[in-house]
Amino acid sequence: MTDDQAARIVAVHLPGVDGLCAGCRWWWSRLSPYPCYQAEWATRWHARVATRRFLDGLS
């Protein structure tokens, strides 16, 4: 997984006006509450990468 792919997931899986994930509805016709698993996973992955970059810069 690359940072670009995780950013795409975060960009698509947004909350809809009804509180459901717009990305899940659009891609899979699935009604999932926001934040869905994909949005949570991509946000955590992005945070881990940013933390790793920051800590590597301190060395």
Protein backbone atom coordinates (compact mmCIF):
# COMPACT_ATOMS: atom_id res chain seq x y z
CA MET A 1 0.00 0.00 0.00
CA THR A 2 1.31 3.41 -0.88
CA ASP A 3 0.55 6.78 0.64
CA ASP A 4 -1.26 7.73 -2.58
CA GLN A 5 -3.58 4.72 -2.36
CA ALA A 6 -4.42 5.45 1.28
CA ALA A 7 -5.11 9.08 0.39
CA ARG A 8 -7.52 7.96 -2.35
CA ILE A 9 -9.43 5.81 0.12
CA VAL A 10 -9.70 8.70 2.59
CA ALA A 11 -10.78 11.05 -0.22
CA VAL A 12 -13.62 8.77 -1.36
CA HIS A 13 -14.90 7.43 1.96
CA LEU A 14 -16.50 10.60 3.28
CA PRO A 15 -19.59 11.07 5.42
CA GLY A 16 -22.78 11.54 3.47
CA VAL A 17 -25.60 13.88 4.48
CA ASP A 18 -27.34 10.93 6.15
CA GLY A 19 -24.28 9.97 8.26
CA LEU A 20 -23.45 6.96 6.12
CA CYS A 21 -20.22 6.42 4.19
CA ALA A 22 -20.56 7.81 0.69
CA GLY A 23 -17.66 5.71 -0.64
CA CYS A 24 -19.14 2.40 0.53
CA ARG A 25 -22.48 3.29 -1.00
CA TRP A 26 -20.88 4.37 -4.27
CA TRP A 27 -18.41 1.47 -4.67
CA TRP A 28 -20.30 -1.46 -3.16
CA SER A 29 -23.91 -0.27 -2.72
CA ARG A 30 -23.41 -0.97 0.96
CA LEU A 31 -24.88 1.15 3.74
CA SER A 32 -22.12 1.62 6.31
CA PRO A 33 -22.01 4.19 9.07
CA TYR A 34 -19.22 6.73 8.79
CA PRO A 35 -16.37 6.25 9.59
CA CYS A 36 -16.35 2.89 7.85
CA TYR A 37 -13.59 0.30 8.19
CA GLN A 38 -11.84 1.50 5.05
CA ALA A 39 -11.74 5.12 6.20
CA GLU A 40 -10.51 4.13 9.68
CA TRP A 41 -7.83 1.84 8.24
CA ALA A 42 -6.56 4.42 5.73
CA THR A 43 -6.47 7.15 8.39
CA ARG A 44 -4.47 4.90 10.76
CA TRP A 45 -2.12 3.88 7.96
CA HIS A 46 -1.53 7.49 6.98
CA ALA A 47 -0.85 8.43 10.62
CA ARG A 48 1.68 5.59 11.00
CA VAL A 49 3.53 6.70 7.87
CA ALA A 50 3.62 10.32 9.03
CA THR A 51 4.88 9.29 12.47
CA ARG A 52 7.55 7.06 10.94
CA ARG A 53 8.74 9.90 8.70
CA PHE A 54 8.87 12.29 11.65
CA LEU A 55 10.79 9.86 13.87
CA ASP A 56 13.23 8.99 11.08
CA GLY A 57 13.94 12.69 10.66
CA LEU A 58 14.95 12.98 14.32
CA SER A 59 17.78 10.48 14.00
